């Protein structure tokens, strides 16, 4: 296995994977998406922006996108935030204040990118652990994560 494979490089711009995620969001009833540009979600973001049934907004930071999603929920939308896992740190205040106190739920779709010398699997585990720490630390529901290849089967 090459270093590129270990770091998830072949998954990053896979159009088939992007289509799976796009259809899953539509099937879940998502009709509003805030996103921060991310190379791993480049194809997903493109599909979401081209979809006339989903309103998409590009944010400059993850916390801004989360706040936009909270506002979209208050406006009757079913929102999703698309971001890198590194955004949980900057978004913790929004999750704790706006989402928890004002009861504004939204889905977060986050990529987990391996760092220099790391592998996709190692960082996925780290990212999932960090997401769990943030969510349980501020009293939110426990997030779940899985690799696209290990996703639950559809009935």
N, C-alpha and C. Protein backbone atom coordinates (compact mmCIF):
# COMPACT_ATOMS: atom_id res chain seq x y z
N UNK A 1 0.85 -1.18 0.00
CA UNK A 1 0.00 0.00 0.00
C UNK A 1 0.90 1.24 0.00
N UNK A 2 0.57 2.19 -0.85
CA UNK A 2 1.38 3.39 -0.96
C UNK A 2 1.03 4.39 0.14
N UNK A 3 1.92 5.35 0.37
CA UNK A 3 1.67 6.40 1.35
C UNK A 3 0.41 7.18 0.97
N UNK A 4 0.22 7.42 -0.32
CA UNK A 4 -0.97 8.13 -0.79
C UNK A 4 -2.24 7.38 -0.39
N UNK A 5 -2.23 6.04 -0.51
CA UNK A 5 -3.38 5.24 -0.09
C UNK A 5 -3.59 5.34 1.41
N UNK A 6 -2.52 5.25 2.18
CA UNK A 6 -2.62 5.31 3.63
C UNK A 6 -3.18 6.65 4.11
N UNK A 7 -2.84 7.71 3.41
CA UNK A 7 -3.31 9.04 3.80
C UNK A 7 -4.67 9.37 3.21
N UNK A 8 -5.30 8.45 2.52
CA UNK A 8 -6.64 8.67 1.99
C UNK A 8 -6.68 9.43 0.68
N UNK A 9 -5.56 9.57 0.01
CA UNK A 9 -5.50 10.37 -1.22
C UNK A 9 -6.37 9.87 -2.34
N UNK A 10 -6.54 8.57 -2.43
CA UNK A 10 -7.36 8.04 -3.52
C UNK A 10 -8.85 8.21 -3.22
N UNK A 11 -9.21 8.42 -1.98
CA UNK A 11 -10.60 8.62 -1.59
C UNK A 11 -10.98 10.09 -1.76
N UNK A 12 -10.02 10.96 -1.58
CA UNK A 12 -10.25 12.40 -1.51
C UNK A 12 -11.12 12.95 -2.64
N UNK A 13 -10.81 12.64 -3.88
CA UNK A 13 -11.54 13.23 -4.99
C UNK A 13 -12.35 12.18 -5.76
N UNK A 14 -12.79 11.15 -5.08
CA UNK A 14 -13.53 10.07 -5.69
C UNK A 14 -14.98 10.50 -5.93
N UNK A 15 -15.36 10.62 -7.19
CA UNK A 15 -16.70 11.10 -7.54
C UNK A 15 -17.77 10.12 -7.07
N UNK A 16 -17.51 8.82 -7.13
CA UNK A 16 -18.49 7.83 -6.68
C UNK A 16 -18.79 8.02 -5.19
N UNK A 17 -17.74 8.21 -4.39
CA UNK A 17 -17.95 8.44 -2.95
C UNK A 17 -18.73 9.73 -2.72
N UNK A 18 -18.41 10.76 -3.49
CA UNK A 18 -19.12 12.04 -3.36
C UNK A 18 -20.60 11.86 -3.67
N UNK A 19 -20.90 11.08 -4.70
CA UNK A 19 -22.30 10.84 -5.06
C UNK A 19 -23.04 10.08 -3.96
N UNK A 20 -22.35 9.13 -3.33
CA UNK A 20 -22.96 8.38 -2.21
C UNK A 20 -23.32 9.34 -1.08
N UNK A 21 -22.39 10.21 -0.71
CA UNK A 21 -22.65 11.18 0.37
C UNK A 21 -23.75 12.15 -0.03
N UNK A 22 -23.72 12.64 -1.25
CA UNK A 22 -24.74 13.58 -1.73
C UNK A 22 -26.13 12.95 -1.65
N UNK A 23 -26.27 11.73 -2.15
CA UNK A 23 -27.56 11.05 -2.11
C UNK A 23 -28.00 10.75 -0.68
N UNK A 24 -27.06 10.41 0.19
CA UNK A 24 -27.40 10.14 1.59
C UNK A 24 -27.96 11.40 2.27
N UNK A 25 -27.36 12.55 1.97
CA UNK A 25 -27.85 13.80 2.55
C UNK A 25 -29.26 14.12 2.03
N UNK A 26 -29.48 13.92 0.74
CA UNK A 26 -30.81 14.16 0.17
C UNK A 26 -31.83 13.19 0.77
N UNK A 27 -31.45 11.91 0.89
CA UNK A 27 -32.35 10.91 1.46
C UNK A 27 -32.70 11.23 2.92
N UNK A 28 -31.77 11.90 3.62
CA UNK A 28 -32.01 12.27 5.02
C UNK A 28 -32.86 13.54 5.13
N UNK A 29 -33.19 14.14 4.00
CA UNK A 29 -34.02 15.34 4.02
C UNK A 29 -33.26 16.64 4.20
N UNK A 30 -31.96 16.61 4.03
CA UNK A 30 -31.15 17.83 4.15
C UNK A 30 -31.52 18.76 2.98
N UNK A 31 -31.88 20.00 3.32
CA UNK A 31 -32.23 20.96 2.27
C UNK A 31 -31.46 22.27 2.40
N UNK A 32 -30.50 22.31 3.31
CA UNK A 32 -29.66 23.48 3.50
C UNK A 32 -28.28 23.01 3.95
N UNK A 33 -27.24 23.53 3.32
CA UNK A 33 -25.87 23.14 3.68
C UNK A 33 -25.00 24.39 3.80
N UNK A 34 -24.26 24.46 4.90
CA UNK A 34 -23.19 25.45 5.03
C UNK A 34 -21.89 24.66 4.93
N UNK A 35 -20.92 25.22 4.21
CA UNK A 35 -19.67 24.48 4.02
C UNK A 35 -18.48 25.42 4.10
N UNK A 36 -17.38 24.86 4.57
CA UNK A 36 -16.09 25.54 4.52
C UNK A 36 -15.28 24.78 3.47
N UNK A 37 -14.69 25.47 2.50
CA UNK A 37 -13.93 24.77 1.47
C UNK A 37 -12.92 23.79 2.06
N UNK A 38 -12.92 22.57 1.52
CA UNK A 38 -12.11 21.48 2.05
C UNK A 38 -11.74 20.58 0.88
N UNK A 39 -10.47 20.28 0.72
CA UNK A 39 -10.04 19.49 -0.43
C UNK A 39 -10.63 18.08 -0.42
N UNK A 40 -10.85 17.50 0.74
CA UNK A 40 -11.40 16.14 0.79
C UNK A 40 -12.87 16.11 0.39
N UNK A 41 -13.57 17.21 0.60
CA UNK A 41 -14.99 17.28 0.23
C UNK A 41 -15.22 18.08 -1.05
N UNK A 42 -14.17 18.30 -1.84
CA UNK A 42 -14.30 19.11 -3.04
C UNK A 42 -15.43 18.62 -3.94
N UNK A 43 -15.47 17.34 -4.23
CA UNK A 43 -16.50 16.79 -5.12
C UNK A 43 -17.89 16.82 -4.45
N UNK A 44 -17.96 16.54 -3.16
CA UNK A 44 -19.24 16.61 -2.45
C UNK A 44 -19.76 18.04 -2.49
N UNK A 45 -18.89 19.00 -2.20
CA UNK A 45 -19.30 20.41 -2.21
C UNK A 45 -19.80 20.82 -3.59
N UNK A 46 -19.13 20.36 -4.63
CA UNK A 46 -19.55 20.70 -5.99
C UNK A 46 -20.95 20.17 -6.26
N UNK A 47 -21.21 18.91 -5.90
CA UNK A 47 -22.53 18.32 -6.11
C UNK A 47 -23.61 19.07 -5.32
N UNK A 48 -23.29 19.44 -4.08
CA UNK A 48 -24.26 20.16 -3.25
C UNK A 48 -24.56 21.54 -3.83
N UNK A 49 -23.54 22.21 -4.31
CA UNK A 49 -23.74 23.54 -4.88
C UNK A 49 -24.54 23.49 -6.18
N UNK A 50 -24.44 22.40 -6.92
CA UNK A 50 -25.17 22.26 -8.18
C UNK A 50 -26.61 21.78 -7.98
N UNK A 51 -26.92 21.28 -6.80
CA UNK A 51 -28.24 20.71 -6.51
C UNK A 51 -29.25 21.83 -6.24
N UNK A 52 -30.26 21.94 -7.08
CA UNK A 52 -31.26 23.01 -6.94
C UNK A 52 -32.19 22.81 -5.74
N UNK A 53 -32.24 21.58 -5.19
CA UNK A 53 -33.10 21.30 -4.04
C UNK A 53 -32.42 21.61 -2.71
N UNK A 54 -31.13 21.87 -2.74
CA UNK A 54 -30.37 22.14 -1.51
C UNK A 54 -29.76 23.52 -1.62
N UNK A 55 -30.12 24.39 -0.69
CA UNK A 55 -29.52 25.73 -0.63
C UNK A 55 -28.14 25.57 0.02
N UNK A 56 -27.10 26.08 -0.64
CA UNK A 56 -25.76 25.96 -0.07
C UNK A 56 -25.15 27.34 0.14
N UNK A 57 -24.43 27.46 1.25
CA UNK A 57 -23.76 28.70 1.63
C UNK A 57 -22.32 28.35 1.98
N UNK A 58 -21.38 29.11 1.47
CA UNK A 58 -19.97 28.90 1.81
C UNK A 58 -19.60 29.85 2.94
N UNK A 59 -19.08 29.28 4.02
CA UNK A 59 -18.66 30.06 5.19
C UNK A 59 -17.14 30.19 5.20
N UNK A 60 -16.65 31.18 5.92
CA UNK A 60 -15.20 31.37 6.00
C UNK A 60 -14.57 30.57 7.13
N UNK A 61 -15.35 30.23 8.14
CA UNK A 61 -14.85 29.45 9.28
C UNK A 61 -15.94 28.47 9.72
N UNK A 62 -15.54 27.43 10.41
CA UNK A 62 -16.49 26.41 10.84
C UNK A 62 -17.52 26.97 11.82
N UNK A 63 -17.08 27.80 12.77
CA UNK A 63 -18.04 28.33 13.74
C UNK A 63 -19.09 29.21 13.05
N UNK A 64 -18.68 29.96 12.03
CA UNK A 64 -19.62 30.77 11.26
C UNK A 64 -20.63 29.87 10.55
N UNK A 65 -20.15 28.79 9.93
CA UNK A 65 -21.04 27.85 9.24
C UNK A 65 -22.02 27.19 10.19
N UNK A 66 -21.55 26.84 11.39
CA UNK A 66 -22.43 26.23 12.39
C UNK A 66 -23.53 27.21 12.80
N UNK A 67 -23.16 28.47 13.00
CA UNK A 67 -24.15 29.49 13.37
C UNK A 67 -25.16 29.69 12.24
N UNK A 68 -24.69 29.65 11.00
CA UNK A 68 -25.59 29.76 9.85
C UNK A 68 -26.56 28.58 9.83
N UNK A 69 -26.05 27.38 10.11
CA UNK A 69 -26.92 26.19 10.16
C UNK A 69 -27.97 26.33 11.26
N UNK A 70 -27.57 26.84 12.41
CA UNK A 70 -28.52 27.03 13.51
C UNK A 70 -29.62 28.01 13.07
N UNK A 71 -29.24 29.08 12.41
CA UNK A 71 -30.23 30.04 11.90
C UNK A 71 -31.12 29.42 10.84
N UNK A 72 -30.55 28.59 9.98
CA UNK A 72 -31.35 27.92 8.96
C UNK A 72 -32.38 27.00 9.60
N UNK A 73 -31.99 26.30 10.68
CA UNK A 73 -32.93 25.44 11.38
C UNK A 73 -34.08 26.28 11.95
N UNK A 74 -33.73 27.43 12.55
CA UNK A 74 -34.77 28.31 13.10
C UNK A 74 -35.69 28.83 12.00
N UNK A 75 -35.19 28.88 10.77
CA UNK A 75 -35.99 29.31 9.63
C UNK A 75 -36.72 28.17 8.94
N UNK A 76 -36.73 26.99 9.55
CA UNK A 76 -37.51 25.87 9.02
C UNK A 76 -36.75 24.93 8.10
N UNK A 77 -35.45 25.09 7.98
CA UNK A 77 -34.65 24.22 7.13
C UNK A 77 -34.14 23.02 7.91
N UNK A 78 -33.68 22.01 7.18
CA UNK A 78 -33.05 20.82 7.75
C UNK A 78 -31.58 20.88 7.34
N UNK A 79 -30.72 21.53 8.17
CA UNK A 79 -29.36 21.87 7.75
C UNK A 79 -28.29 20.82 8.06
N UNK A 80 -27.19 20.98 7.31
CA UNK A 80 -25.98 20.17 7.51
C UNK A 80 -24.77 21.08 7.37
N UNK A 81 -23.80 20.91 8.25
CA UNK A 81 -22.52 21.63 8.18
C UNK A 81 -21.49 20.67 7.59
N UNK A 82 -20.83 21.05 6.50
CA UNK A 82 -19.81 20.23 5.85
C UNK A 82 -18.46 20.89 6.12
N UNK A 83 -17.55 20.16 6.80
CA UNK A 83 -16.30 20.77 7.24
C UNK A 83 -15.22 19.74 7.51
N UNK A 84 -14.01 20.21 7.79
CA UNK A 84 -12.93 19.36 8.28
C UNK A 84 -13.11 19.13 9.77
N UNK A 85 -12.58 18.04 10.27
CA UNK A 85 -12.67 17.73 11.70
C UNK A 85 -11.97 18.78 12.55
N UNK A 86 -11.00 19.48 11.99
CA UNK A 86 -10.29 20.50 12.76
C UNK A 86 -11.23 21.63 13.19
N UNK A 87 -12.38 21.75 12.57
CA UNK A 87 -13.33 22.80 12.90
C UNK A 87 -14.09 22.60 14.19
N UNK A 88 -14.01 21.41 14.78
CA UNK A 88 -14.71 21.20 16.05
C UNK A 88 -14.19 22.14 17.13
N UNK A 89 -12.89 22.44 17.09
CA UNK A 89 -12.32 23.33 18.09
C UNK A 89 -12.89 24.73 17.99
N UNK A 90 -12.93 25.30 16.79
CA UNK A 90 -13.46 26.66 16.64
C UNK A 90 -14.97 26.69 16.79
N UNK A 91 -15.63 25.57 16.57
CA UNK A 91 -17.09 25.54 16.65
C UNK A 91 -17.65 25.15 17.99
N UNK A 92 -16.79 24.82 18.96
CA UNK A 92 -17.28 24.35 20.26
C UNK A 92 -18.19 25.37 20.93
N UNK A 93 -17.86 26.64 20.83
CA UNK A 93 -18.69 27.67 21.45
C UNK A 93 -20.08 27.74 20.85
N UNK A 94 -20.17 27.61 19.53
CA UNK A 94 -21.47 27.62 18.85
C UNK A 94 -22.26 26.39 19.27
N UNK A 95 -21.60 25.24 19.29
CA UNK A 95 -22.30 24.01 19.68
C UNK A 95 -22.81 24.10 21.11
N UNK A 96 -21.99 24.66 22.01
CA UNK A 96 -22.38 24.74 23.41
C UNK A 96 -23.45 25.80 23.64
N UNK A 97 -23.31 26.94 23.01
CA UNK A 97 -24.21 28.06 23.28
C UNK A 97 -25.48 28.01 22.43
N UNK A 98 -25.31 28.10 21.15
CA UNK A 98 -26.48 28.22 20.27
C UNK A 98 -27.25 26.90 20.17
N UNK A 99 -26.52 25.83 19.89
CA UNK A 99 -27.21 24.56 19.65
C UNK A 99 -27.80 23.95 20.91
N UNK A 100 -27.05 23.96 21.99
CA UNK A 100 -27.54 23.32 23.21
C UNK A 100 -28.60 24.16 23.91
N UNK A 101 -28.32 25.42 24.12
CA UNK A 101 -29.25 26.27 24.86
C UNK A 101 -30.51 26.57 24.06
N UNK A 102 -30.35 26.81 22.76
CA UNK A 102 -31.51 27.17 21.94
C UNK A 102 -32.10 25.99 21.17
N UNK A 103 -31.58 24.80 21.41
CA UNK A 103 -32.12 23.58 20.81
C UNK A 103 -32.22 23.67 19.29
N UNK A 104 -31.08 23.94 18.68
CA UNK A 104 -31.04 24.05 17.22
C UNK A 104 -30.15 22.94 16.65
N UNK A 105 -30.74 21.80 16.35
CA UNK A 105 -29.95 20.67 15.85
C UNK A 105 -29.59 20.81 14.37
N UNK A 106 -28.46 20.25 14.01
CA UNK A 106 -28.09 20.11 12.60
C UNK A 106 -27.05 19.01 12.49
N UNK A 107 -26.98 18.43 11.32
CA UNK A 107 -26.02 17.37 11.04
C UNK A 107 -24.66 17.98 10.74
N UNK A 108 -23.59 17.35 11.20
CA UNK A 108 -22.24 17.75 10.83
C UNK A 108 -21.60 16.61 10.05
N UNK A 109 -21.18 16.91 8.84
CA UNK A 109 -20.44 15.96 8.00
C UNK A 109 -19.00 16.46 7.97
N UNK A 110 -18.09 15.73 8.61
CA UNK A 110 -16.71 16.22 8.70
C UNK A 110 -15.73 15.19 8.16
N UNK A 111 -14.72 15.71 7.48
CA UNK A 111 -13.65 14.84 6.96
C UNK A 111 -12.55 14.75 8.02
N UNK A 112 -11.81 13.68 7.95
CA UNK A 112 -10.70 13.46 8.87
C UNK A 112 -9.46 13.22 8.01
N UNK A 113 -8.58 14.18 7.99
CA UNK A 113 -7.43 14.15 7.10
C UNK A 113 -6.17 13.80 7.89
N UNK A 114 -5.42 12.84 7.39
CA UNK A 114 -4.19 12.41 8.06
C UNK A 114 -3.13 13.51 8.00
N UNK A 115 -2.40 13.65 9.08
CA UNK A 115 -1.30 14.61 9.12
C UNK A 115 -0.04 14.02 8.52
N UNK A 116 0.99 14.81 8.43
CA UNK A 116 2.25 14.37 7.87
C UNK A 116 2.77 13.14 8.60
N UNK A 117 3.00 12.07 7.88
CA UNK A 117 3.50 10.85 8.47
C UNK A 117 2.42 9.95 9.06
N UNK A 118 1.19 10.44 9.13
CA UNK A 118 0.10 9.65 9.69
C UNK A 118 -0.67 8.94 8.61
N UNK A 119 -1.62 8.13 9.02
CA UNK A 119 -2.47 7.44 8.06
C UNK A 119 -3.90 7.89 8.26
N UNK A 120 -4.71 7.67 7.25
CA UNK A 120 -6.12 8.06 7.32
C UNK A 120 -6.79 7.38 8.49
N UNK A 121 -6.51 6.09 8.70
CA UNK A 121 -7.16 5.36 9.78
C UNK A 121 -6.79 5.93 11.14
N UNK A 122 -5.50 6.23 11.34
CA UNK A 122 -5.08 6.78 12.63
C UNK A 122 -5.79 8.08 12.93
N UNK A 123 -5.87 8.96 11.94
CA UNK A 123 -6.48 10.26 12.18
C UNK A 123 -7.99 10.14 12.31
N UNK A 124 -8.58 9.19 11.58
CA UNK A 124 -10.03 9.02 11.73
C UNK A 124 -10.36 8.68 13.17
N UNK A 125 -9.58 7.78 13.75
CA UNK A 125 -9.81 7.42 15.14
C UNK A 125 -9.60 8.62 16.05
N UNK A 126 -8.54 9.39 15.80
CA UNK A 126 -8.28 10.58 16.60
C UNK A 126 -9.40 11.59 16.42
N UNK A 127 -9.83 11.82 15.18
CA UNK A 127 -10.90 12.77 14.92
C UNK A 127 -12.20 12.36 15.59
N UNK A 128 -12.52 11.07 15.54
CA UNK A 128 -13.73 10.56 16.17
C UNK A 128 -13.64 10.75 17.68
N UNK A 129 -12.46 10.49 18.26
CA UNK A 129 -12.28 10.67 19.69
C UNK A 129 -12.44 12.14 20.07
N UNK A 130 -11.85 13.04 19.29
CA UNK A 130 -11.97 14.46 19.57
C UNK A 130 -13.42 14.92 19.48
N UNK A 131 -14.12 14.46 18.46
CA UNK A 131 -15.53 14.83 18.31
C UNK A 131 -16.34 14.35 19.51
N UNK A 132 -16.05 13.13 19.97
CA UNK A 132 -16.74 12.61 21.15
C UNK A 132 -16.44 13.44 22.39
N UNK A 133 -15.18 13.85 22.56
CA UNK A 133 -14.81 14.67 23.72
C UNK A 133 -15.54 16.00 23.69
N UNK A 134 -15.56 16.67 22.55
CA UNK A 134 -16.27 17.95 22.44
C UNK A 134 -17.75 17.76 22.73
N UNK A 135 -18.36 16.78 22.09
CA UNK A 135 -19.80 16.60 22.21
C UNK A 135 -20.21 16.21 23.63
N UNK A 136 -19.53 15.26 24.23
CA UNK A 136 -19.91 14.85 25.58
C UNK A 136 -19.50 15.90 26.61
N UNK A 137 -18.42 16.62 26.35
CA UNK A 137 -17.97 17.66 27.27
C UNK A 137 -18.92 18.82 27.39
N UNK A 138 -19.67 19.12 26.33
CA UNK A 138 -20.62 20.22 26.39
C UNK A 138 -22.06 19.72 26.44
N UNK A 139 -22.22 18.42 26.66
CA UNK A 139 -23.55 17.86 26.89
C UNK A 139 -24.38 17.60 25.65
N UNK A 140 -23.75 17.45 24.52
CA UNK A 140 -24.50 17.14 23.30
C UNK A 140 -24.58 15.63 23.13
N UNK A 141 -25.41 15.19 22.20
CA UNK A 141 -25.50 13.76 21.92
C UNK A 141 -24.17 13.25 21.40
N UNK A 142 -23.95 11.98 21.54
CA UNK A 142 -22.70 11.38 21.10
C UNK A 142 -22.69 11.21 19.60
N UNK A 143 -21.65 11.73 18.93
CA UNK A 143 -21.59 11.58 17.47
C UNK A 143 -21.20 10.16 17.08
N UNK A 144 -21.47 9.83 15.85
CA UNK A 144 -21.02 8.55 15.33
C UNK A 144 -20.22 8.79 14.06
N UNK A 145 -19.27 7.94 13.81
CA UNK A 145 -18.46 8.09 12.62
C UNK A 145 -18.10 6.74 12.06
N UNK A 146 -17.91 6.71 10.74
CA UNK A 146 -17.47 5.49 10.09
C UNK A 146 -16.79 5.86 8.79
N UNK A 147 -15.94 4.94 8.33
CA UNK A 147 -15.31 5.12 7.03
C UNK A 147 -16.34 4.84 5.95
N UNK A 148 -16.24 5.52 4.82
CA UNK A 148 -17.22 5.34 3.75
C UNK A 148 -17.31 3.87 3.34
N UNK A 149 -16.16 3.18 3.27
CA UNK A 149 -16.15 1.76 2.90
C UNK A 149 -16.78 0.87 3.95
N UNK A 150 -16.88 1.36 5.20
CA UNK A 150 -17.44 0.57 6.30
C UNK A 150 -18.83 1.06 6.68
N UNK A 151 -19.45 1.89 5.84
CA UNK A 151 -20.74 2.48 6.18
C UNK A 151 -21.77 1.38 6.40
N UNK A 152 -22.77 1.67 7.24
CA UNK A 152 -23.83 0.67 7.46
C UNK A 152 -24.54 0.37 6.14
N UNK A 153 -24.93 -0.86 5.96
CA UNK A 153 -25.62 -1.23 4.72
C UNK A 153 -27.01 -0.63 4.71
N UNK A 154 -27.48 -0.33 3.51
CA UNK A 154 -28.82 0.24 3.36
C UNK A 154 -29.80 -0.89 3.11
N UNK A 155 -30.97 -0.77 3.73
CA UNK A 155 -31.99 -1.81 3.58
C UNK A 155 -32.70 -1.71 2.26
